[in-house]
Amino acid sequence: MKTNHLTLASLLVALGTLTGNLIYIPVGVARAFPVQHLINILGAVLLGPFYAVLDAFLISFLRNLLGTGSLLAFPGSMIGALLAGLFYRYFNRTEAAIIGEIFGTGILGALFAYPIASLLMGSKTGLFFFIPSFLLSSGGGAIIAYFFFKVLEKSNTLEFNK
């Protein structure tokens, strides 16, 4: 089972890293990256919170190394992945993972991004500046994830306990 988890986690990291230079929307100093949030939710539901956070960290790290990400990817993606995984674990519903991702990234991740942007990136933005862009990014990924899981449910590809 651990090999399956590592393989799927690796595939998600590769997908997130490769699409980082293809699919993003610049929003001020942040970049809206809806695929990251889709991957966070997929990782949370299919692998659990530990792998979801690990994937989010690795994707953020690799995207920064490749110049396709920013330091703001770390707090947003990792907090969102953690809450998506914990919400899914507690409620056992994909909708809970989606809410966890949106709240974790869109609100908490945005608030944690402020000191990083201020201290490390020299940004002079206000505390709540990042919330709209982080909500836009996580909301876009959440919508994609919602429809992705609905298709999987209808095709009986995955069994969901509801």
N, C-alpha and C. Protein backbone atom coordinates (compact mmCIF):
# COMPACT_ATOMS: atom_id res chain seq x y z
N MET A 1 0.82 -1.19 0.00
CA MET A 1 0.00 0.00 0.00
C MET A 1 0.87 1.26 0.00
N LYS A 2 1.98 1.23 0.73
CA LYS A 2 2.84 2.40 0.78
C LYS A 2 3.42 2.72 -0.59
N THR A 3 3.76 1.70 -1.37
CA THR A 3 4.29 1.92 -2.72
C THR A 3 3.25 2.60 -3.59
N ASN A 4 1.98 2.18 -3.47
CA ASN A 4 0.91 2.82 -4.23
C ASN A 4 0.78 4.29 -3.87
N HIS A 5 0.84 4.59 -2.58
CA HIS A 5 0.74 5.98 -2.13
C HIS A 5 1.91 6.82 -2.64
N LEU A 6 3.11 6.26 -2.54
CA LEU A 6 4.28 6.99 -3.02
C LEU A 6 4.22 7.23 -4.53
N THR A 7 3.74 6.24 -5.25
CA THR A 7 3.65 6.38 -6.71
C THR A 7 2.63 7.45 -7.09
N LEU A 8 1.45 7.39 -6.49
CA LEU A 8 0.43 8.40 -6.79
C LEU A 8 0.89 9.79 -6.35
N ALA A 9 1.50 9.87 -5.16
CA ALA A 9 2.01 11.16 -4.69
C ALA A 9 3.05 11.72 -5.65
N SER A 10 3.92 10.87 -6.15
CA SER A 10 4.94 11.30 -7.11
C SER A 10 4.33 11.79 -8.41
N LEU A 11 3.31 11.09 -8.87
CA LEU A 11 2.62 11.52 -10.09
C LEU A 11 1.94 12.88 -9.90
N LEU A 12 1.36 13.09 -8.73
CA LEU A 12 0.73 14.39 -8.45
C LEU A 12 1.77 15.50 -8.39
N VAL A 13 2.92 15.22 -7.80
CA VAL A 13 4.01 16.22 -7.76
C VAL A 13 4.47 16.55 -9.18
N ALA A 14 4.65 15.52 -9.99
CA ALA A 14 5.08 15.75 -11.37
C ALA A 14 4.04 16.56 -12.14
N LEU A 15 2.78 16.22 -11.99
CA LEU A 15 1.71 16.96 -12.66
C LEU A 15 1.67 18.41 -12.21
N GLY A 16 1.77 18.63 -10.90
CA GLY A 16 1.75 19.99 -10.37
C GLY A 16 2.95 20.81 -10.81
N THR A 17 4.09 20.19 -10.84
CA THR A 17 5.31 20.90 -11.25
C THR A 17 5.28 21.23 -12.74
N LEU A 18 4.87 20.28 -13.55
CA LEU A 18 4.84 20.50 -15.00
C LEU A 18 3.79 21.54 -15.41
N THR A 19 2.65 21.52 -14.76
CA THR A 19 1.61 22.48 -15.15
C THR A 19 1.86 23.86 -14.54
N GLY A 20 2.82 23.97 -13.63
CA GLY A 20 3.14 25.25 -13.00
C GLY A 20 3.60 26.30 -13.99
N ASN A 21 4.23 25.89 -15.06
CA ASN A 21 4.67 26.88 -16.05
C ASN A 21 3.68 27.00 -17.20
N LEU A 22 2.62 26.23 -17.17
CA LEU A 22 1.63 26.27 -18.24
C LEU A 22 0.33 26.95 -17.85
N ILE A 23 -0.13 26.66 -16.65
CA ILE A 23 -1.46 27.13 -16.25
C ILE A 23 -1.37 27.93 -14.97
N TYR A 24 -1.36 29.24 -15.09
CA TYR A 24 -1.43 30.11 -13.92
C TYR A 24 -1.96 31.47 -14.35
N ILE A 25 -2.49 32.20 -13.39
CA ILE A 25 -3.04 33.52 -13.64
C ILE A 25 -2.33 34.50 -12.72
N PRO A 26 -1.55 35.44 -13.25
CA PRO A 26 -0.87 36.42 -12.39
C PRO A 26 -1.89 37.36 -11.74
N VAL A 27 -1.78 37.50 -10.43
CA VAL A 27 -2.64 38.40 -9.67
C VAL A 27 -1.75 39.17 -8.70
N GLY A 28 -1.30 40.34 -9.10
CA GLY A 28 -0.38 41.11 -8.26
C GLY A 28 0.93 40.36 -8.10
N VAL A 29 1.42 40.27 -6.84
CA VAL A 29 2.66 39.53 -6.58
C VAL A 29 2.40 38.03 -6.46
N ALA A 30 1.13 37.64 -6.38
CA ALA A 30 0.78 36.23 -6.28
C ALA A 30 0.45 35.68 -7.67
N ARG A 31 0.43 34.37 -7.77
CA ARG A 31 0.01 33.70 -8.99
C ARG A 31 -1.11 32.74 -8.65
N ALA A 32 -2.24 32.91 -9.30
CA ALA A 32 -3.35 31.98 -9.10
C ALA A 32 -3.02 30.70 -9.86
N PHE A 33 -3.00 29.60 -9.15
CA PHE A 33 -2.60 28.32 -9.73
C PHE A 33 -3.65 27.27 -9.39
N PRO A 34 -4.79 27.26 -10.10
CA PRO A 34 -5.88 26.37 -9.74
C PRO A 34 -5.53 24.89 -9.79
N VAL A 35 -4.58 24.49 -10.63
CA VAL A 35 -4.20 23.07 -10.70
C VAL A 35 -3.61 22.62 -9.36
N GLN A 36 -2.88 23.50 -8.68
CA GLN A 36 -2.31 23.16 -7.37
C GLN A 36 -3.43 22.79 -6.40
N HIS A 37 -4.50 23.53 -6.44
CA HIS A 37 -5.59 23.28 -5.50
C HIS A 37 -6.37 22.02 -5.87
N LEU A 38 -6.49 21.76 -7.14
CA LEU A 38 -7.05 20.49 -7.58
C LEU A 38 -6.19 19.34 -7.05
N ILE A 39 -4.89 19.45 -7.19
CA ILE A 39 -3.98 18.42 -6.71
C ILE A 39 -4.05 18.29 -5.19
N ASN A 40 -4.16 19.41 -4.49
CA ASN A 40 -4.30 19.34 -3.03
C ASN A 40 -5.52 18.52 -2.63
N ILE A 41 -6.63 18.75 -3.31
CA ILE A 41 -7.86 18.03 -2.98
C ILE A 41 -7.74 16.57 -3.38
N LEU A 42 -7.19 16.30 -4.55
CA LEU A 42 -6.98 14.90 -4.96
C LEU A 42 -6.09 14.17 -3.95
N GLY A 43 -4.99 14.81 -3.57
CA GLY A 43 -4.09 14.19 -2.59
C GLY A 43 -4.76 13.98 -1.25
N ALA A 44 -5.55 14.95 -0.82
CA ALA A 44 -6.24 14.84 0.46
C ALA A 44 -7.22 13.68 0.47
N VAL A 45 -7.99 13.54 -0.60
CA VAL A 45 -9.02 12.50 -0.66
C VAL A 45 -8.40 11.12 -0.92
N LEU A 46 -7.46 11.06 -1.84
CA LEU A 46 -6.93 9.76 -2.24
C LEU A 46 -5.78 9.26 -1.37
N LEU A 47 -5.03 10.18 -0.74
CA LEU A 47 -3.84 9.78 0.00
C LEU A 47 -3.83 10.17 1.48
N GLY A 48 -4.59 11.19 1.84
CA GLY A 48 -4.61 11.63 3.22
C GLY A 48 -3.82 12.91 3.43
N PRO A 49 -3.94 13.49 4.62
CA PRO A 49 -3.33 14.79 4.88
C PRO A 49 -1.81 14.81 4.79
N PHE A 50 -1.14 13.77 5.25
CA PHE A 50 0.32 13.77 5.23
C PHE A 50 0.85 13.89 3.81
N TYR A 51 0.37 13.02 2.91
CA TYR A 51 0.84 13.05 1.53
C TYR A 51 0.38 14.32 0.82
N ALA A 52 -0.80 14.81 1.14
CA ALA A 52 -1.27 16.05 0.51
C ALA A 52 -0.35 17.21 0.85
N VAL A 53 0.05 17.32 2.11
CA VAL A 53 0.96 18.40 2.53
C VAL A 53 2.34 18.19 1.92
N LEU A 54 2.82 16.96 1.93
CA LEU A 54 4.12 16.67 1.32
C LEU A 54 4.12 17.02 -0.16
N ASP A 55 3.07 16.64 -0.87
CA ASP A 55 2.96 16.99 -2.29
C ASP A 55 2.95 18.50 -2.49
N ALA A 56 2.17 19.20 -1.67
CA ALA A 56 2.10 20.66 -1.78
C ALA A 56 3.47 21.30 -1.56
N PHE A 57 4.19 20.81 -0.56
CA PHE A 57 5.53 21.34 -0.30
C PHE A 57 6.46 21.08 -1.48
N LEU A 58 6.48 19.85 -1.96
CA LEU A 58 7.39 19.50 -3.05
C LEU A 58 7.07 20.26 -4.34
N ILE A 59 5.79 20.41 -4.65
CA ILE A 59 5.42 21.18 -5.84
C ILE A 59 5.85 22.63 -5.68
N SER A 60 5.60 23.21 -4.52
CA SER A 60 6.00 24.61 -4.29
C SER A 60 7.52 24.75 -4.39
N PHE A 61 8.23 23.82 -3.81
CA PHE A 61 9.70 23.85 -3.83
C PHE A 61 10.22 23.75 -5.27
N LEU A 62 9.73 22.77 -6.00
CA LEU A 62 10.19 22.58 -7.38
C LEU A 62 9.80 23.75 -8.28
N ARG A 63 8.60 24.27 -8.11
CA ARG A 63 8.18 25.43 -8.92
C ARG A 63 9.06 26.64 -8.61
N ASN A 64 9.44 26.82 -7.37
CA ASN A 64 10.33 27.92 -7.03
C ASN A 64 11.71 27.72 -7.63
N LEU A 65 12.21 26.50 -7.59
CA LEU A 65 13.51 26.21 -8.21
C LEU A 65 13.49 26.47 -9.71
N LEU A 66 12.36 26.16 -10.34
CA LEU A 66 12.24 26.33 -11.78
C LEU A 66 11.83 27.74 -12.19
N GLY A 67 11.53 28.58 -11.22
CA GLY A 67 11.13 29.95 -11.51
C GLY A 67 9.70 30.13 -11.95
N THR A 68 8.87 29.12 -11.72
CA THR A 68 7.46 29.22 -12.11
C THR A 68 6.54 29.45 -10.92
N GLY A 69 7.10 29.58 -9.73
CA GLY A 69 6.29 29.80 -8.54
C GLY A 69 6.85 30.94 -7.71
N SER A 70 6.20 31.25 -6.64
CA SER A 70 6.69 32.26 -5.72
C SER A 70 6.71 31.67 -4.31
N LEU A 71 7.34 32.38 -3.40
CA LEU A 71 7.39 31.91 -2.01
C LEU A 71 5.99 31.83 -1.39
N LEU A 72 5.04 32.55 -1.97
CA LEU A 72 3.68 32.54 -1.45
C LEU A 72 2.98 31.20 -1.67
N ALA A 73 3.55 30.37 -2.53
CA ALA A 73 2.95 29.06 -2.78
C ALA A 73 3.04 28.15 -1.55
N PHE A 74 4.06 28.35 -0.74
CA PHE A 74 4.24 27.47 0.42
C PHE A 74 3.11 27.56 1.43
N PRO A 75 2.82 28.74 2.00
CA PRO A 75 1.76 28.76 3.01
C PRO A 75 0.39 28.42 2.44
N GLY A 76 0.09 28.95 1.26
CA GLY A 76 -1.23 28.71 0.70
C GLY A 76 -1.48 27.25 0.41
N SER A 77 -0.58 26.64 -0.33
CA SER A 77 -0.82 25.26 -0.75
C SER A 77 -0.73 24.28 0.42
N MET A 78 0.21 24.49 1.31
CA MET A 78 0.40 23.52 2.40
C MET A 78 -0.72 23.58 3.43
N ILE A 79 -1.16 24.78 3.78
CA ILE A 79 -2.26 24.90 4.75
C ILE A 79 -3.55 24.38 4.13
N GLY A 80 -3.78 24.72 2.87
CA GLY A 80 -4.96 24.22 2.19
C GLY A 80 -4.98 22.70 2.09
N ALA A 81 -3.84 22.11 1.75
CA ALA A 81 -3.75 20.65 1.65
C ALA A 81 -3.99 19.99 3.01
N LEU A 82 -3.43 20.58 4.05
CA LEU A 82 -3.62 20.03 5.40
C LEU A 82 -5.08 20.05 5.80
N LEU A 83 -5.73 21.20 5.64
CA LEU A 83 -7.14 21.27 6.04
C LEU A 83 -8.03 20.41 5.15
N ALA A 84 -7.72 20.33 3.86
CA ALA A 84 -8.49 19.46 2.97
C ALA A 84 -8.39 18.01 3.44
N GLY A 85 -7.17 17.59 3.78
CA GLY A 85 -6.98 16.22 4.25
C GLY A 85 -7.65 15.94 5.58
N LEU A 86 -7.54 16.88 6.51
CA LEU A 86 -8.17 16.70 7.83
C LEU A 86 -9.68 16.75 7.74
N PHE A 87 -10.21 17.67 6.94
CA PHE A 87 -11.67 17.76 6.78
C PHE A 87 -12.20 16.49 6.12
N TYR A 88 -11.48 15.98 5.12
CA TYR A 88 -11.94 14.75 4.48
C TYR A 88 -11.86 13.57 5.46
N ARG A 89 -10.80 13.51 6.22
CA ARG A 89 -10.64 12.41 7.19
C ARG A 89 -11.76 12.45 8.23
N TYR A 90 -12.11 13.65 8.68
CA TYR A 90 -13.12 13.79 9.73
C TYR A 90 -14.54 13.56 9.19
N PHE A 91 -14.88 14.15 8.04
CA PHE A 91 -16.24 14.10 7.51
C PHE A 91 -16.44 13.03 6.44
N ASN A 92 -15.35 12.51 5.86
CA ASN A 92 -15.40 11.47 4.84
C ASN A 92 -16.27 11.87 3.64
N ARG A 93 -16.16 13.13 3.25
CA ARG A 93 -16.89 13.64 2.09
C ARG A 93 -15.96 14.52 1.27
N THR A 94 -16.05 14.38 -0.04
CA THR A 94 -15.20 15.20 -0.90
C THR A 94 -15.52 16.68 -0.75
N GLU A 95 -16.79 16.99 -0.49
CA GLU A 95 -17.17 18.38 -0.29
C GLU A 95 -16.45 18.99 0.91
N ALA A 96 -16.22 18.19 1.93
CA ALA A 96 -15.49 18.67 3.11
C ALA A 96 -14.05 18.98 2.75
N ALA A 97 -13.44 18.15 1.92
CA ALA A 97 -12.07 18.42 1.47
C ALA A 97 -12.02 19.70 0.67
N ILE A 98 -13.02 19.93 -0.15
CA ILE A 98 -13.09 21.14 -0.96
C ILE A 98 -13.21 22.37 -0.07
N ILE A 99 -14.07 22.31 0.92
CA ILE A 99 -14.22 23.43 1.86
C ILE A 99 -12.92 23.65 2.63
N GLY A 100 -12.28 22.57 3.05
CA GLY A 100 -11.01 22.69 3.76
C GLY A 100 -9.95 23.36 2.90
N GLU A 101 -9.90 23.01 1.62
CA GLU A 101 -8.93 23.62 0.71
C GLU A 101 -9.21 25.11 0.52
N ILE A 102 -10.46 25.45 0.31
CA ILE A 102 -10.80 26.87 0.09
C ILE A 102 -10.52 27.69 1.34
N PHE A 103 -10.93 27.21 2.50
CA PHE A 103 -10.69 27.95 3.73
C PHE A 103 -9.20 27.97 4.08
N GLY A 104 -8.55 26.82 3.95
CA GLY A 104 -7.13 26.72 4.30
C GLY A 104 -6.25 27.59 3.43
N THR A 105 -6.49 27.57 2.12
CA THR A 105 -5.69 28.38 1.21
C THR A 105 -6.21 29.81 1.13
N GLY A 106 -7.52 29.93 0.88
CA GLY A 106 -8.10 31.24 0.61
C GLY A 106 -8.06 32.20 1.77
N ILE A 107 -8.19 31.70 2.98
CA ILE A 107 -8.20 32.58 4.16
C ILE A 107 -6.90 32.43 4.94
N LEU A 108 -6.67 31.25 5.50
CA LEU A 108 -5.50 31.06 6.37
C LEU A 108 -4.19 31.19 5.59
N GLY A 109 -4.11 30.55 4.44
CA GLY A 109 -2.88 30.64 3.63
C GLY A 109 -2.59 32.06 3.21
N ALA A 110 -3.64 32.80 2.87
CA ALA A 110 -3.47 34.21 2.49
C ALA A 110 -2.95 35.03 3.65
N LEU A 111 -3.47 34.77 4.84
CA LEU A 111 -3.00 35.51 6.01
C LEU A 111 -1.55 35.16 6.36
N PHE A 112 -1.19 33.89 6.20
CA PHE A 112 0.19 33.48 6.47
C PHE A 112 1.14 33.97 5.37
N ALA A 113 0.60 34.29 4.20
CA ALA A 113 1.44 34.80 3.11
C ALA A 113 1.89 36.23 3.37
N TYR A 114 1.13 36.97 4.15
CA TYR A 114 1.46 38.37 4.39
C TYR A 114 2.87 38.57 4.96
N PRO A 115 3.25 37.88 6.05
CA PRO A 115 4.61 38.11 6.55
C PRO A 115 5.69 37.67 5.57
N ILE A 116 5.44 36.63 4.81
CA ILE A 116 6.41 36.19 3.82
C ILE A 116 6.59 37.27 2.75
N ALA A 117 5.47 37.79 2.26
CA ALA A 117 5.53 38.84 1.24
C ALA A 117 6.17 40.10 1.78
N SER A 118 5.85 40.43 3.01
CA SER A 118 6.36 41.66 3.61
C SER A 118 7.84 41.56 3.96
N LEU A 119 8.22 40.50 4.63
CA LEU A 119 9.60 40.37 5.12
C LEU A 119 10.57 39.85 4.08
N LEU A 120 10.16 38.86 3.30
CA LEU A 120 11.09 38.22 2.37
C LEU A 120 11.02 38.75 0.94
N MET A 121 9.85 39.27 0.57
CA MET A 121 9.69 39.72 -0.81
C MET A 121 9.61 41.24 -0.93
N GLY A 122 9.60 41.93 0.21
CA GLY A 122 9.58 43.39 0.20
C GLY A 122 8.28 44.01 -0.25
N SER A 123 7.19 43.26 -0.21
CA SER A 123 5.89 43.76 -0.64
C SER A 123 5.32 44.71 0.42
N LYS A 124 4.67 45.75 -0.02
CA LYS A 124 4.07 46.74 0.89
C LYS A 124 2.56 46.61 0.93
N THR A 125 2.04 45.45 0.61
CA THR A 125 0.60 45.26 0.58
C THR A 125 0.04 45.11 1.99
N GLY A 126 -1.26 45.30 2.10
CA GLY A 126 -1.92 45.16 3.39
C GLY A 126 -2.15 43.70 3.76
N LEU A 127 -2.54 43.50 5.00
CA LEU A 127 -2.73 42.16 5.55
C LEU A 127 -3.74 41.34 4.74
N PHE A 128 -4.82 41.97 4.31
CA PHE A 128 -5.90 41.23 3.65
C PHE A 128 -5.81 41.28 2.13
N PHE A 129 -4.71 41.77 1.59
CA PHE A 129 -4.53 41.90 0.15
C PHE A 129 -4.57 40.55 -0.58
N PHE A 130 -4.03 39.52 0.02
CA PHE A 130 -3.89 38.23 -0.65
C PHE A 130 -5.16 37.39 -0.64
N ILE A 131 -6.10 37.71 0.22
CA ILE A 131 -7.29 36.87 0.35
C ILE A 131 -8.06 36.75 -0.97
N PRO A 132 -8.37 37.84 -1.68
CA PRO A 132 -9.12 37.66 -2.94
C PRO A 132 -8.40 36.79 -3.97
N SER A 133 -7.09 36.99 -4.15
CA SER A 133 -6.38 36.19 -5.15
C SER A 133 -6.25 34.73 -4.72
N PHE A 134 -6.03 34.49 -3.44
CA PHE A 134 -5.94 33.11 -2.96
C PHE A 134 -7.30 32.42 -3.03
N LEU A 135 -8.37 33.16 -2.74
CA LEU A 135 -9.71 32.59 -2.87
C LEU A 135 -10.03 32.28 -4.32
N LEU A 136 -9.64 33.15 -5.22
CA LEU A 136 -9.86 32.92 -6.65
C LEU A 136 -9.14 31.65 -7.11
N SER A 137 -7.91 31.51 -6.72
CA SER A 137 -7.12 30.36 -7.12
C SER A 137 -7.67 29.06 -6.52
N SER A 138 -7.91 29.07 -5.21
CA SER A 138 -8.40 27.84 -4.56
C SER A 138 -9.82 27.53 -4.99
N GLY A 139 -10.63 28.56 -5.22
CA GLY A 139 -11.99 28.33 -5.69
C GLY A 139 -12.01 27.71 -7.08
N GLY A 140 -11.13 28.18 -7.96
CA GLY A 140 -11.05 27.58 -9.29
C GLY A 140 -10.67 26.12 -9.25
N GLY A 141 -9.65 25.81 -8.46
CA GLY A 141 -9.24 24.42 -8.31
C GLY A 141 -10.30 23.57 -7.65
N ALA A 142 -11.02 24.16 -6.70
CA ALA A 142 -12.08 23.43 -6.00
C ALA A 142 -13.24 23.09 -6.94
N ILE A 143 -13.58 24.01 -7.82
CA ILE A 143 -14.65 23.74 -8.79
C ILE A 143 -14.24 22.59 -9.71
N ILE A 144 -13.01 22.63 -10.19
CA ILE A 144 -12.51 21.55 -11.05
C ILE A 144 -12.55 20.22 -10.29
N ALA A 145 -12.09 20.22 -9.04
CA ALA A 145 -12.08 19.00 -8.23
C ALA A 145 -13.49 18.47 -8.00
N TYR A 146 -14.42 19.37 -7.74
CA TYR A 146 -15.81 18.96 -7.51
C TYR A 146 -16.35 18.18 -8.71
N PHE A 147 -16.19 18.75 -9.90
CA PHE A 147 -16.69 18.07 -11.09
C PHE A 147 -15.90 16.80 -11.40
N PHE A 148 -14.61 16.81 -11.12
CA PHE A 148 -13.78 15.63 -11.33
C PHE A 148 -14.30 14.47 -10.48
N PHE A 149 -14.57 14.74 -9.20
CA PHE A 149 -15.05 13.67 -8.32
C PHE A 149 -16.47 13.26 -8.66
N LYS A 150 -17.30 14.16 -9.14
CA LYS A 150 -18.65 13.79 -9.57
C LYS A 150 -18.59 12.83 -10.75
N VAL A 151 -17.69 13.08 -11.69
CA VAL A 151 -17.52 12.17 -12.83
C VAL A 151 -17.04 10.81 -12.34
N LEU A 152 -16.09 10.80 -11.41
CA LEU A 152 -15.60 9.52 -10.88
C LEU A 152 -16.70 8.76 -10.15
N GLU A 153 -17.53 9.47 -9.41
CA GLU A 153 -18.63 8.82 -8.69
C GLU A 153 -19.63 8.20 -9.66
N LYS A 154 -20.00 8.95 -10.71
CA LYS A 154 -20.98 8.43 -11.67
C LYS A 154 -20.46 7.26 -12.46
N SER A 155 -19.17 7.23 -12.72
CA SER A 155 -18.60 6.12 -13.49
C SER A 155 -18.19 4.95 -12.61
N ASN A 156 -18.42 5.06 -11.31
CA ASN A 156 -18.05 4.03 -10.34
C ASN A 156 -16.58 3.68 -10.40
N THR A 157 -15.75 4.65 -10.78
CA THR A 157 -14.31 4.44 -10.83
C THR A 157 -13.74 4.32 -9.43
N LEU A 158 -14.23 5.14 -8.55
CA LEU A 158 -13.84 5.09 -7.15
C LEU A 158 -15.08 4.93 -6.31
N GLU A 159 -14.95 4.20 -5.22
CA GLU A 159 -16.08 4.07 -4.31
C GLU A 159 -15.89 5.06 -3.19
N PHE A 160 -16.92 5.84 -2.95
CA PHE A 160 -16.89 6.83 -1.88
C PHE A 160 -17.86 6.43 -0.80
N ASN A 161 -17.41 6.50 0.44
CA ASN A 161 -18.28 6.23 1.58
C ASN A 161 -19.00 7.51 1.94
N LYS A 162 -20.30 7.50 1.81
CA LYS A 162 -21.08 8.70 2.15
C LYS A 162 -22.17 8.35 3.11
